[in-house]
Protein backbone atom coordinates (compact mmCIF):
# COMPACT_ATOMS: atom_id res chain seq x y z
CA MET A 1 25.26 64.69 -54.80
CA SER A 2 21.95 63.93 -56.50
CA THR A 3 19.29 66.58 -55.92
CA ASP A 4 16.33 64.41 -56.98
CA LEU A 5 16.88 62.05 -54.03
CA PRO A 6 16.84 62.84 -50.29
CA ASP A 7 20.08 63.48 -48.43
CA GLY A 8 21.86 60.27 -47.49
CA SER A 9 20.64 58.36 -50.54
CA LEU A 10 23.00 56.40 -52.79
CA PRO A 11 22.04 57.09 -56.42
CA TRP A 12 23.91 54.05 -57.72
CA LEU A 13 22.03 51.80 -55.28
CA HIS A 14 18.72 53.40 -56.25
CA GLU A 15 19.43 52.71 -59.93
CA PHE A 16 20.51 49.14 -59.17
CA ALA A 17 17.29 48.53 -57.21
CA ARG A 18 15.17 49.82 -60.12
CA TRP A 19 17.13 47.66 -62.58
CA LEU A 20 16.67 44.63 -60.33
CA GLY A 21 12.96 45.37 -60.15
CA THR A 22 12.58 44.88 -63.91
CA PHE A 23 13.50 41.19 -63.42
CA ILE A 24 12.49 40.25 -59.90
CA PHE A 25 8.74 40.27 -60.60
CA VAL A 26 8.91 38.14 -63.76
CA PRO A 27 8.58 34.76 -61.98
CA PHE A 28 5.58 36.01 -59.98
CA TYR A 29 3.56 38.36 -62.24
CA ARG A 30 2.75 39.08 -65.85
CA LEU A 31 3.44 42.78 -65.53
CA ARG A 32 2.24 45.31 -68.10
CA ALA A 33 2.64 49.08 -67.95
CA HIS A 34 0.47 51.41 -70.03
CA GLY A 35 0.84 55.13 -70.60
CA LEU A 36 4.48 55.53 -69.58
CA GLU A 37 4.71 58.32 -72.16
CA ASN A 38 2.56 60.41 -69.80
CA VAL A 39 5.35 60.61 -67.21
CA PRO A 40 7.01 64.06 -67.50
CA ARG A 41 10.70 63.49 -68.05
CA THR A 42 11.75 66.63 -66.19
CA GLY A 43 10.43 68.89 -63.46
CA PRO A 44 8.69 68.23 -60.15
CA VAL A 45 6.13 65.41 -60.28
CA LEU A 46 3.92 64.10 -57.49
CA MET A 47 2.85 60.56 -58.35
CA ILE A 48 -0.44 59.55 -56.71
CA ALA A 49 -1.40 55.87 -56.77
CA ASN A 50 -4.07 53.56 -55.41
CA HIS A 51 -3.00 51.02 -52.82
CA SER A 52 -4.22 47.46 -52.27
CA THR A 53 -1.13 45.38 -51.34
CA MET A 54 2.47 45.84 -50.24
CA VAL A 55 3.60 44.92 -53.74
CA ASP A 56 2.13 48.06 -55.36
CA GLY A 57 4.98 50.33 -54.29
CA PRO A 58 7.81 48.06 -55.50
CA VAL A 59 5.99 47.51 -58.81
CA LEU A 60 5.66 51.26 -59.42
CA PHE A 61 9.26 51.77 -58.33
CA ALA A 62 10.39 49.23 -60.94
CA VAL A 63 8.34 50.41 -63.94
CA SER A 64 8.85 54.16 -63.46
CA PRO A 65 11.03 55.76 -66.17
CA ARG A 66 12.24 58.28 -63.56
CA ARG A 67 13.72 58.01 -60.09
CA PRO A 68 10.74 57.71 -57.71
CA VAL A 69 10.95 58.67 -54.04
CA PHE A 70 8.06 57.15 -52.09
CA LEU A 71 6.61 58.13 -48.74
CA ILE A 72 6.39 54.78 -46.93
CA LYS A 73 4.90 53.95 -43.54
CA ARG A 74 7.54 54.01 -40.82
CA GLU A 75 6.71 50.46 -39.73
CA MET A 76 8.43 49.16 -42.89
CA PHE A 77 11.77 50.63 -41.82
CA LYS A 78 12.87 47.71 -39.66
CA GLY A 79 15.58 45.09 -40.04
CA PRO A 80 17.25 44.90 -43.47
CA LEU A 81 14.61 47.20 -45.00
CA GLY A 82 15.43 49.80 -42.37
CA PHE A 83 18.94 49.87 -43.77
CA LEU A 84 18.04 49.62 -47.46
CA LEU A 85 15.02 51.90 -47.92
CA PRO A 86 16.67 55.21 -46.86
CA ARG A 87 19.69 54.43 -49.03
CA ILE A 88 17.56 54.03 -52.13
CA GLY A 89 15.87 57.34 -51.37
CA GLN A 90 12.63 56.27 -49.72
CA ILE A 91 11.12 58.41 -46.95
CA ALA A 92 9.65 57.06 -43.69
CA ILE A 93 6.42 58.69 -42.52
CA SER A 94 4.19 58.03 -39.52
CA ARG A 95 0.52 57.36 -40.21
CA GLY A 96 -2.27 58.83 -38.14
CA GLU A 97 -0.16 61.46 -36.40
CA PRO A 98 1.53 64.77 -37.31
CA ASP A 99 4.82 64.05 -39.08
CA ARG A 100 6.02 67.22 -40.77
CA ALA A 101 9.72 66.36 -41.25
CA PRO A 102 9.21 63.71 -43.99
CA LEU A 103 6.74 65.97 -45.78
CA MET A 104 9.31 68.76 -45.87
CA THR A 105 11.90 66.29 -47.17
CA ALA A 106 9.48 65.41 -49.96
CA VAL A 107 8.93 69.11 -50.71
CA ARG A 108 12.70 69.61 -51.04
CA VAL A 109 12.94 66.70 -53.48
CA LEU A 110 10.06 68.10 -55.54
CA LYS A 111 11.42 71.65 -55.58
CA ALA A 112 14.73 70.22 -56.80
CA GLY A 113 12.85 68.76 -59.79
CA GLY A 114 12.41 65.21 -58.52
CA MET A 115 9.48 62.80 -58.46
CA VAL A 116 7.75 61.77 -55.24
CA GLY A 117 5.19 58.99 -54.93
CA ILE A 118 2.37 58.89 -52.38
CA PHE A 119 -0.71 56.75 -51.74
CA PRO A 120 -3.47 59.30 -50.97
CA GLU A 121 -5.69 56.68 -49.33
CA GLY A 122 -3.13 56.46 -46.53
CA THR A 123 -3.53 52.72 -46.05
CA ARG A 124 -4.14 49.55 -48.02
CA GLY A 125 -7.68 48.61 -49.02
CA ALA A 126 -9.48 47.51 -52.16
CA GLY A 127 -7.62 50.19 -54.11
CA ASP A 128 -10.78 51.93 -55.35
CA VAL A 129 -9.83 55.32 -53.80
CA ASP A 130 -13.04 55.89 -51.86
CA ALA A 131 -11.22 58.39 -49.62
CA ALA A 132 -8.05 60.48 -49.64
CA HIS A 133 -6.01 62.39 -47.10
CA ASN A 134 -4.83 65.98 -47.53
CA GLY A 135 -1.12 65.13 -47.75
CA ALA A 136 -0.97 64.65 -51.52
CA ALA A 137 -2.76 67.91 -52.33
CA TRP A 138 -0.67 69.78 -49.75
CA LEU A 139 2.58 68.48 -51.26
CA ALA A 140 1.60 69.40 -54.81
CA ARG A 141 0.40 72.89 -53.87
CA THR A 142 3.38 73.63 -51.62
CA SER A 143 6.01 72.47 -54.12
CA GLY A 144 4.32 73.51 -57.36
CA ALA A 145 4.58 69.96 -58.69
CA VAL A 146 2.26 68.54 -61.32
CA VAL A 147 0.16 65.61 -60.14
CA LEU A 148 0.52 62.31 -61.98
CA PRO A 149 -2.21 59.71 -61.32
CA VAL A 150 -1.16 56.06 -61.57
CA ALA A 151 -3.45 53.05 -61.16
CA CYS A 152 -2.32 49.52 -60.32
CA ARG A 153 -4.48 46.40 -60.45
CA GLY A 154 -3.84 42.67 -60.09
CA THR A 155 -1.66 42.47 -56.99
CA LEU A 156 -4.67 41.88 -54.72
CA ARG A 157 -5.99 38.33 -54.62
CA PRO A 158 -9.67 38.35 -55.66
CA ALA A 159 -12.29 37.71 -52.99
CA GLY A 160 -13.05 34.02 -52.63
CA VAL A 161 -9.72 32.88 -54.09
CA THR A 162 -7.80 31.00 -51.40
CA ARG A 163 -5.00 29.38 -53.37
CA ARG A 164 -1.90 31.23 -54.53
CA ARG A 165 -2.30 32.39 -58.13
CA PHE A 166 0.27 31.43 -60.77
CA ARG A 167 1.76 34.56 -62.35
CA PRO A 168 -1.37 36.72 -62.22
CA ARG A 169 -1.65 39.63 -64.62
CA VAL A 170 -0.71 42.96 -63.04
CA ASP A 171 -1.44 46.18 -64.91
CA VAL A 172 -0.16 49.70 -64.30
CA LEU A 173 -1.88 52.62 -66.05
CA VAL A 174 -0.32 56.09 -66.02
CA GLY A 175 -2.79 58.91 -66.54
CA LYS A 176 -2.35 62.46 -67.75
CA PRO A 177 -0.61 64.87 -65.36
CA PHE A 178 -2.63 67.80 -64.03
CA GLU A 179 -2.09 70.87 -61.88
CA LEU A 180 -3.87 71.90 -58.71
CA PRO A 181 -4.88 75.54 -58.10
CA ALA A 182 -2.70 77.40 -55.61
CA ASP A 183 -5.65 78.92 -53.72
CA LYS A 184 -4.96 79.19 -50.00
CA GLY A 185 -7.10 78.12 -47.07
CA ARG A 186 -8.58 74.90 -45.70
CA ALA A 187 -11.56 74.94 -48.08
CA ALA A 188 -9.20 75.15 -51.06
CA LEU A 189 -7.11 72.28 -49.68
CA THR A 190 -10.23 70.17 -49.20
CA ALA A 191 -11.32 70.89 -52.79
CA ALA A 192 -7.85 70.01 -54.09
CA THR A 193 -7.88 66.75 -52.12
CA GLU A 194 -11.22 65.81 -53.65
CA ARG A 195 -9.80 66.57 -57.11
CA VAL A 196 -6.90 64.21 -56.36
CA ARG A 197 -9.32 61.49 -55.21
CA VAL A 198 -11.62 61.82 -58.21
CA GLU A 199 -8.81 61.87 -60.77
CA LEU A 200 -7.24 58.75 -59.28
CA ALA A 201 -10.55 56.92 -58.82
CA ASP A 202 -11.47 57.66 -62.44
CA LEU A 203 -8.13 56.27 -63.60
CA VAL A 204 -8.63 53.10 -61.56
CA ALA A 205 -12.04 52.67 -63.21
CA GLU A 206 -10.41 53.20 -66.59
CA LEU A 207 -7.86 50.49 -65.85
CA ASP A 208 -10.64 48.15 -64.78
CA ARG A 209 -12.28 48.72 -68.17
CA LEU A 210 -8.99 47.98 -69.90
CA ARG A 211 -8.48 44.77 -67.93
CA ALA A 212 -12.04 43.69 -68.78
CA GLY A 213 -11.29 44.02 -72.50
CA ARG A 214 -13.09 47.30 -73.04
CA PRO A 215 -11.05 50.16 -74.52
CA PRO A 216 -10.02 52.82 -71.99
CA ALA A 217 -11.22 56.39 -72.29
CA SER A 218 -7.72 57.58 -73.19
CA THR A 219 -5.09 56.09 -75.45
CA SER A 220 -2.37 54.19 -73.64
CA LYS A 221 0.92 52.72 -74.73
CA GLU A 222 1.80 49.27 -73.49
CA HIS A 223 5.23 48.33 -72.25
CA GLU A 224 6.09 44.73 -71.47
CA ALA A 225 8.15 44.42 -68.31
C-alpha cells in the first residue's frame, strides 16, 4: 500500500491520470512549467497555489514531478468524478464549515512523506491571493511539512474577452520552499497564514512579470509540457 496517498487510493490509477494529463491539455493550452527543480523530491511538502479556474488543479496535478494529493471542494465529488477523484488520491473537503476529517487525512499523508496541494484562498477568484484561510498554515505547522508556493496564470479568460481563446499560453511557476515557525497560539497561526499569503502573492506577481517579458526575481527552469 502506498503511504504517500490516502487510504483507498489506487497508485497505478493515480500515475495513469498524471501521465494522461501530460497530453490532454495539449490541444487546449500552450503549457509551460518553470522552476520544477524547486520541488523537493522527498519529504513532506504542502503545495500552496493561487486559484482562478477549475483547470488550475488538473494542470498542477499533471505537471508535478511528484504525486500530488489535493484538497478539493466536496461539490466536485459527484457523478463520475465522485468515483474517480478518491481513487486517484484526492480528498473531499467542505468549504465554509468545520471539516476536520479531511484535514487529518492530509496530515497523515504529509507525515508519511507525501505532497498535499491546497488553494489558500479557499475559492476561485482573480488568483491574486488577496486573502488566505488558516488551513494551509495549520497543515504545514501540524505536519512539519515545508511549504511550496506555486503560481498559475493563463487559465482565466481576460476581462472583456468573450470568445473562446485558441490554445492560450498557460504558465506555472514553482517558487522556493520555505518553513513556517512552530509557535503555538492563534496569533502565531494568523502570522503564519499571512506569511503563506504574502509568499504566494509575491510569486504570482513574479509570474506576471515573467509573462510580460520581464525577467523574474529568481531564476527559473522552463519545461515544455
